[in-house]
Amino acid sequence: MLTSNTYTKDFKYFKEKYDESMECMFAAVSDLYAEYWNGFFHFALFKDDHESWESAFLNTHNKYLEALRTSDARNILDLACGRGDFTNVLAENTSGEVLGIDISRSQLSHTHRFKRPNLRFKHYDIMKVDELGEMFDAVMLMDADCYLPDKQLAVEKISKVIKSGARFLLLGWCKQSGLNQIQEELVLYPFMKYWAIPSLETPDNYKKYFEQNNFNIIEITDLNDQVKRNWEFGYESALGGVRTLSRKDLPRLIWKGMKLGSDGIRLIKEQFPAAIYIKVGYDVGFLRYVYFLVEKK
């Protein structure tokens, strides 16, 4: 049985060795997610239970493009861009320059598919974004804030590369405010361990971090009702994988650019119980998916 001390040790490692754990994590699971999820690792927002996935993603992306005012942007930054699918959407919808950064080389190895003159990618750490030497008038961080070792410091650093009047859109994996330790240990800690997540932030704390770093808050919206089908699809996909995957299938999913051996196999296998705990976190309401749109003063 996993104890609180065991979790504390893991989360300490995820925080202190964030770059190392993210490299290993996504070298093992990037292709798994692409095979059992889709090219967009983020969530689609659904209007109702009958909307198609294609329509939901199109409407979701249009909502984000409008929020960021990409049609008028000159320099756009996509933080934790992953395999580059949404970064390519950004470049398709602006005449400005788009830069996607990610800490995972395995994720970035897929970005060569995209050949737009206004699109580039860079292996880079969000926690050092203030050292990029560039300024942006639209910044996106989607479904990856949970991995950051220090959310407050990350917001501070991101604020330093955003021009006055520019917008920052964060789609955050948050925890419900007011949870006690037992509630977090029973529901949130297991999937956080499997996903190498050092901590989850509350919406209230994010609001405070934005205010501390000279952002005007335009909108904060809890999207749990609109993303329900994503949680359910992830759960069903995990069940499908359990039914069909065998040990011989796993090595082909691991990025060949990093030798992970048995650790890679372990990381893949841990994604399936993680999907179960994530759904539990959603169903009980402890896990929140929150839209933050802010503008730099």
Protein backbone atom coordinates (compact mmCIF):
# COMPACT_ATOMS: atom_id res chain seq x y z
CA MET A 1 0.00 0.00 0.00
CA LEU A 2 1.33 3.44 -0.91
CA THR A 3 1.76 5.78 2.04
CA SER A 4 1.73 9.54 2.24
CA ASN A 5 5.52 9.48 2.65
CA THR A 6 5.87 7.50 -0.58
CA TYR A 7 3.88 10.10 -2.48
CA THR A 8 5.86 12.93 -0.89
CA LYS A 9 9.11 11.37 -2.09
CA ASP A 10 7.78 10.98 -5.64
CA PHE A 11 6.40 14.52 -5.82
CA LYS A 12 9.69 15.90 -4.52
CA TYR A 13 11.50 14.12 -7.36
CA PHE A 14 8.99 15.38 -9.95
CA LYS A 15 9.58 18.92 -8.72
CA GLU A 16 13.35 18.85 -8.34
CA LYS A 17 14.01 16.76 -11.48
CA TYR A 18 11.18 18.17 -13.56
CA ASP A 19 13.16 18.29 -16.81
CA GLU A 20 14.41 14.73 -16.42
CA SER A 21 11.03 13.26 -15.47
CA MET A 22 9.25 15.02 -18.36
CA GLU A 23 11.79 13.81 -20.90
CA CYS A 24 11.40 10.22 -19.72
CA MET A 25 7.64 10.42 -19.32
CA PHE A 26 6.87 11.61 -22.84
CA ALA A 27 9.57 9.50 -24.48
CA ALA A 28 7.54 6.57 -23.16
CA VAL A 29 3.95 7.72 -23.62
CA SER A 30 3.80 10.23 -26.50
CA ASP A 31 3.06 7.61 -29.16
CA LEU A 32 0.70 5.80 -26.80
CA TYR A 33 -1.40 8.95 -26.40
CA ALA A 34 -1.38 9.61 -30.14
CA GLU A 35 -2.56 6.07 -30.83
CA TYR A 36 -5.28 5.88 -28.18
CA TRP A 37 -6.26 9.57 -28.00
CA ASN A 38 -5.49 11.79 -31.01
CA GLY A 39 -2.97 14.28 -32.35
CA PHE A 40 -4.36 17.02 -30.11
CA PHE A 41 -3.42 16.06 -26.57
CA HIS A 42 -5.69 18.78 -25.18
CA PHE A 43 -9.43 18.59 -24.53
CA ALA A 44 -12.28 19.47 -26.85
CA LEU A 45 -15.17 21.55 -25.50
CA PHE A 46 -18.56 20.05 -26.35
CA LYS A 47 -21.77 22.04 -26.72
CA ASP A 48 -23.86 18.93 -26.02
CA ASP A 49 -23.72 15.13 -26.01
CA HIS A 50 -24.42 14.92 -29.75
CA GLU A 51 -21.70 17.17 -31.16
CA SER A 52 -19.05 15.35 -33.18
CA TRP A 53 -15.41 15.35 -32.11
CA GLU A 54 -14.42 17.10 -35.33
CA SER A 55 -16.93 19.89 -34.72
CA ALA A 56 -15.98 20.18 -31.05
CA PHE A 57 -12.27 20.56 -31.79
CA LEU A 58 -12.96 23.07 -34.58
CA ASN A 59 -15.20 25.20 -32.33
CA THR A 60 -12.78 24.87 -29.41
CA HIS A 61 -9.86 26.04 -31.51
CA ASN A 62 -11.84 28.93 -32.94
CA LYS A 63 -12.74 30.01 -29.42
CA TYR A 64 -9.07 30.00 -28.39
CA LEU A 65 -7.94 31.79 -31.56
CA GLU A 66 -10.49 34.53 -30.99
CA ALA A 67 -9.54 34.86 -27.32
CA LEU A 68 -5.87 35.28 -28.23
CA ARG A 69 -6.68 37.65 -31.13
CA THR A 70 -4.30 35.65 -33.30
CA SER A 71 -5.39 37.30 -36.55
CA ASP A 72 -3.76 40.54 -35.36
CA ALA A 73 -0.82 39.00 -33.48
CA ARG A 74 2.74 39.48 -34.69
CA ASN A 75 4.46 37.01 -32.35
CA ILE A 76 2.69 34.02 -30.79
CA LEU A 77 4.16 31.58 -28.26
CA ASP A 78 2.73 28.10 -27.69
CA LEU A 79 4.08 26.77 -24.40
CA ALA A 80 4.39 22.99 -24.01
CA CYS A 81 3.48 22.61 -27.66
CA GLY A 82 3.89 18.82 -27.66
CA ARG A 83 3.76 17.27 -31.14
CA GLY A 84 2.85 20.66 -32.63
CA ASP A 85 -0.66 20.03 -33.89
CA PHE A 86 -2.27 23.07 -32.27
CA THR A 87 0.84 25.18 -32.88
CA ASN A 88 0.26 24.50 -36.56
CA VAL A 89 -3.36 25.67 -36.17
CA LEU A 90 -2.06 28.90 -34.65
CA ALA A 91 0.31 29.43 -37.59
CA GLU A 92 -2.46 28.69 -40.06
CA ASN A 93 -4.59 31.45 -38.57
CA THR A 94 -2.14 34.32 -38.38
CA SER A 95 0.24 36.20 -40.61
CA GLY A 96 2.51 36.63 -37.60
CA GLU A 97 5.33 34.41 -36.37
CA VAL A 98 4.55 31.37 -34.20
CA LEU A 99 7.01 29.63 -31.89
CA GLY A 100 6.25 26.35 -30.14
CA ILE A 101 8.47 25.24 -27.26
CA ASP A 102 8.52 21.97 -25.37
CA ILE A 103 10.85 20.25 -22.93
CA SER A 104 10.28 16.85 -24.54
CA ARG A 105 12.50 15.97 -27.49
CA SER A 106 10.35 12.94 -28.26
CA GLN A 107 7.30 15.18 -28.67
CA LEU A 108 9.20 17.67 -30.80
CA SER A 109 10.49 14.90 -33.06
CA HIS A 110 7.02 14.86 -34.65
CA THR A 111 6.93 18.58 -35.49
CA HIS A 112 8.88 18.20 -38.75
CA ARG A 113 5.52 17.33 -40.35
CA PHE A 114 4.57 20.98 -40.39
CA LYS A 115 6.09 23.18 -43.09
CA ARG A 116 4.86 26.73 -42.65
CA PRO A 117 7.19 29.70 -43.18
CA ASN A 118 5.83 31.44 -40.06
CA LEU A 119 6.17 28.38 -37.81
CA ARG A 120 9.15 27.17 -35.81
CA PHE A 121 9.79 24.88 -32.87
CA LYS A 122 12.41 24.88 -30.15
CA HIS A 123 13.48 22.44 -27.43
CA TYR A 124 13.07 24.68 -24.41
CA ASP A 125 11.93 24.74 -20.79
CA ILE A 126 8.94 26.88 -19.74
CA MET A 127 10.69 27.53 -16.41
CA LYS A 128 13.39 29.40 -18.36
CA VAL A 129 11.05 31.18 -20.77
CA ASP A 130 12.16 34.60 -19.50
CA GLU A 131 15.61 33.81 -20.95
CA LEU A 132 14.29 33.30 -24.50
CA GLY A 133 15.12 36.85 -25.50
CA GLU A 134 11.81 37.35 -27.31
CA MET A 135 8.55 39.15 -26.55
CA PHE A 136 5.08 38.00 -27.56
CA ASP A 137 1.61 39.47 -28.00
CA ALA A 138 -0.23 36.14 -27.60
CA VAL A 139 0.79 33.23 -25.36
CA MET A 140 -0.90 29.85 -24.94
CA LEU A 141 -0.42 27.12 -22.32
CA MET A 142 -2.82 24.24 -22.69
CA ASP A 143 -3.25 21.12 -20.53
CA ALA A 144 0.35 21.11 -19.30
CA ASP A 145 0.51 23.49 -16.34
CA CYS A 146 0.13 20.55 -13.95
CA TYR A 147 3.64 19.35 -14.82
CA LEU A 148 5.34 22.62 -13.89
CA PRO A 149 7.33 22.39 -10.66
CA ASP A 150 6.39 25.88 -9.43
CA LYS A 151 3.19 27.37 -10.86
CA GLN A 152 3.63 30.74 -9.19
CA LEU A 153 7.16 31.15 -10.53
CA ALA A 154 6.04 29.95 -13.98
CA VAL A 155 3.38 32.69 -14.18
CA GLU A 156 5.97 35.25 -13.11
CA LYS A 157 8.41 34.13 -15.80
CA ILE A 158 5.74 33.95 -18.51
CA SER A 159 4.62 37.48 -17.64
CA LYS A 160 8.10 38.75 -18.50
CA VAL A 161 7.80 37.72 -22.17
CA ILE A 162 4.32 39.15 -22.72
CA LYS A 163 3.93 42.64 -24.16
CA SER A 164 1.65 45.21 -22.59
CA GLY A 165 -1.88 44.67 -23.89
CA ALA A 166 -1.08 41.10 -24.96
CA ARG A 167 -3.12 38.09 -23.90
CA PHE A 168 -2.24 34.87 -22.12
CA LEU A 169 -4.61 31.90 -22.33
CA LEU A 170 -4.17 29.06 -19.85
CA LEU A 171 -6.20 25.87 -19.89
CA GLY A 172 -5.35 24.45 -16.51
CA TRP A 173 -5.70 21.15 -14.71
CA CYS A 174 -6.62 22.34 -11.24
CA LYS A 175 -7.79 20.84 -7.99
CA GLN A 176 -10.94 21.84 -6.18
CA SER A 177 -10.33 24.34 -3.39
CA GLY A 178 -10.70 23.18 0.20
CA LEU A 179 -9.80 19.50 -0.19
CA ASN A 180 -8.34 17.81 2.86
CA GLN A 181 -5.27 15.59 2.77
CA ILE A 182 -7.22 12.32 2.82
CA GLN A 183 -9.33 13.39 -0.15
CA GLU A 184 -6.22 14.31 -2.13
CA GLU A 185 -4.42 11.09 -1.18
CA LEU A 186 -7.34 8.86 -2.12
CA VAL A 187 -8.23 10.44 -5.46
CA LEU A 188 -5.59 12.85 -6.79
CA TYR A 189 -2.26 11.47 -5.61
CA PRO A 190 -2.43 8.14 -7.50
CA PHE A 191 -2.84 9.64 -10.96
CA MET A 192 -0.39 12.44 -10.12
CA LYS A 193 2.22 9.78 -9.32
CA TYR A 194 1.55 7.91 -12.56
CA TRP A 195 1.71 11.13 -14.59
CA ALA A 196 4.78 12.63 -12.89
CA ILE A 197 2.76 15.63 -11.65
CA PRO A 198 4.45 17.42 -8.72
CA SER A 199 1.36 19.40 -7.65
CA LEU A 200 -2.04 20.71 -8.69
CA GLU A 201 -2.99 24.35 -8.20
CA THR A 202 -6.36 25.81 -7.26
CA PRO A 203 -8.17 28.35 -9.47
CA ASP A 204 -8.08 30.87 -6.62
CA ASN A 205 -4.30 30.66 -6.40
CA TYR A 206 -3.92 31.12 -10.14
CA LYS A 207 -6.09 34.21 -9.91
CA LYS A 208 -3.76 35.53 -7.22
CA TYR A 209 -0.65 34.79 -9.32
CA PHE A 210 -2.09 36.67 -12.29
CA GLU A 211 -2.92 39.69 -10.16
CA GLN A 212 0.59 39.67 -8.65
CA ASN A 213 2.13 39.81 -12.12
CA ASN A 214 0.19 42.75 -13.59
CA PHE A 215 -2.46 40.85 -15.50
CA ASN A 216 -6.04 41.99 -15.92
CA ILE A 217 -8.35 39.00 -15.63
CA ILE A 218 -10.75 38.82 -18.56
CA GLU A 219 -12.37 35.47 -17.86
CA ILE A 220 -12.08 32.51 -15.52
CA THR A 221 -14.47 29.66 -16.33
CA ASP A 222 -14.73 26.12 -14.98
CA LEU A 223 -15.15 23.90 -18.06
CA ASN A 224 -15.82 20.55 -16.38
CA ASP A 225 -19.29 20.20 -17.86
CA GLN A 226 -18.02 20.90 -21.37
CA VAL A 227 -15.11 18.42 -21.23
CA LYS A 228 -16.98 15.48 -19.69
CA ARG A 229 -16.83 13.44 -22.89
CA ASN A 230 -13.02 13.74 -22.93
CA TRP A 231 -12.71 12.13 -19.51
CA GLU A 232 -15.07 9.36 -20.54
CA PHE A 233 -13.29 8.80 -23.85
CA GLY A 234 -9.92 8.56 -22.09
CA TYR A 235 -11.34 6.03 -19.67
CA GLU A 236 -12.90 3.92 -22.43
CA SER A 237 -9.68 4.11 -24.47
CA ALA A 238 -7.72 2.85 -21.47
CA LEU A 239 -10.12 -0.06 -21.08
CA GLY A 240 -9.77 -0.83 -24.78
CA GLY A 241 -6.01 -0.80 -24.46
CA VAL A 242 -6.13 -3.20 -21.53
CA ARG A 243 -8.16 -5.60 -23.66
CA THR A 244 -5.86 -5.50 -26.69
CA LEU A 245 -2.32 -4.57 -25.68
CA SER A 246 0.29 -7.21 -24.96
CA ARG A 247 3.83 -6.81 -23.67
CA LYS A 248 5.27 -7.22 -27.17
CA ASP A 249 3.34 -4.11 -28.31
CA LEU A 250 4.93 -1.79 -25.78
CA PRO A 251 8.51 -1.37 -27.08
CA ARG A 252 7.31 0.05 -30.41
CA LEU A 253 5.61 2.91 -28.55
CA ILE A 254 8.79 4.12 -26.84
CA TRP A 255 10.76 6.88 -28.55
CA LYS A 256 13.93 5.41 -30.01
CA GLY A 257 15.90 8.55 -29.22
CA MET A 258 16.02 7.70 -25.53
CA LYS A 259 16.89 4.32 -24.05
CA LEU A 260 14.38 3.71 -21.27
CA GLY A 261 14.29 -0.08 -21.06
CA SER A 262 12.09 -1.43 -18.29
CA ASP A 263 11.35 2.09 -17.04
CA GLY A 264 9.67 2.86 -20.36
CA ILE A 265 7.50 -0.23 -20.12
CA ARG A 266 6.56 0.71 -16.55
CA LEU A 267 5.61 4.25 -17.56
CA ILE A 268 3.35 2.96 -20.32
CA LYS A 269 1.64 0.46 -18.05
CA GLU A 270 1.03 3.13 -15.42
CA GLN A 271 -1.06 5.20 -17.85
CA PHE A 272 -3.95 2.75 -17.62
CA PRO A 273 -4.63 2.97 -13.87
CA ALA A 274 -3.98 6.71 -14.18
CA ALA A 275 -6.92 6.99 -16.61
CA ILE A 276 -9.17 5.31 -14.04
CA TYR A 277 -8.13 7.64 -11.23
CA ILE A 278 -8.49 10.70 -13.47
CA LYS A 279 -12.07 9.76 -14.23
CA VAL A 280 -12.72 9.26 -10.51
CA GLY A 281 -11.24 12.70 -9.85
CA TYR A 282 -13.58 14.21 -12.42
CA ASP A 283 -16.66 12.27 -11.28
CA VAL A 284 -16.20 13.26 -7.65
CA GLY A 285 -15.42 16.87 -8.62
CA PHE A 286 -11.94 17.09 -7.12
CA LEU A 287 -10.30 17.59 -10.52
CA ARG A 288 -11.25 20.78 -12.40
CA TYR A 289 -10.52 21.91 -15.94
CA VAL A 290 -10.35 25.71 -15.90
CA TYR A 291 -10.12 28.41 -18.60
CA PHE A 292 -8.07 31.48 -17.68
CA LEU A 293 -7.88 34.40 -20.10
CA VAL A 294 -5.78 37.35 -18.92
CA GLU A 295 -4.23 40.45 -20.45
CA LYS A 296 -0.98 42.13 -19.50
CA LYS A 297 -1.38 45.65 -18.17
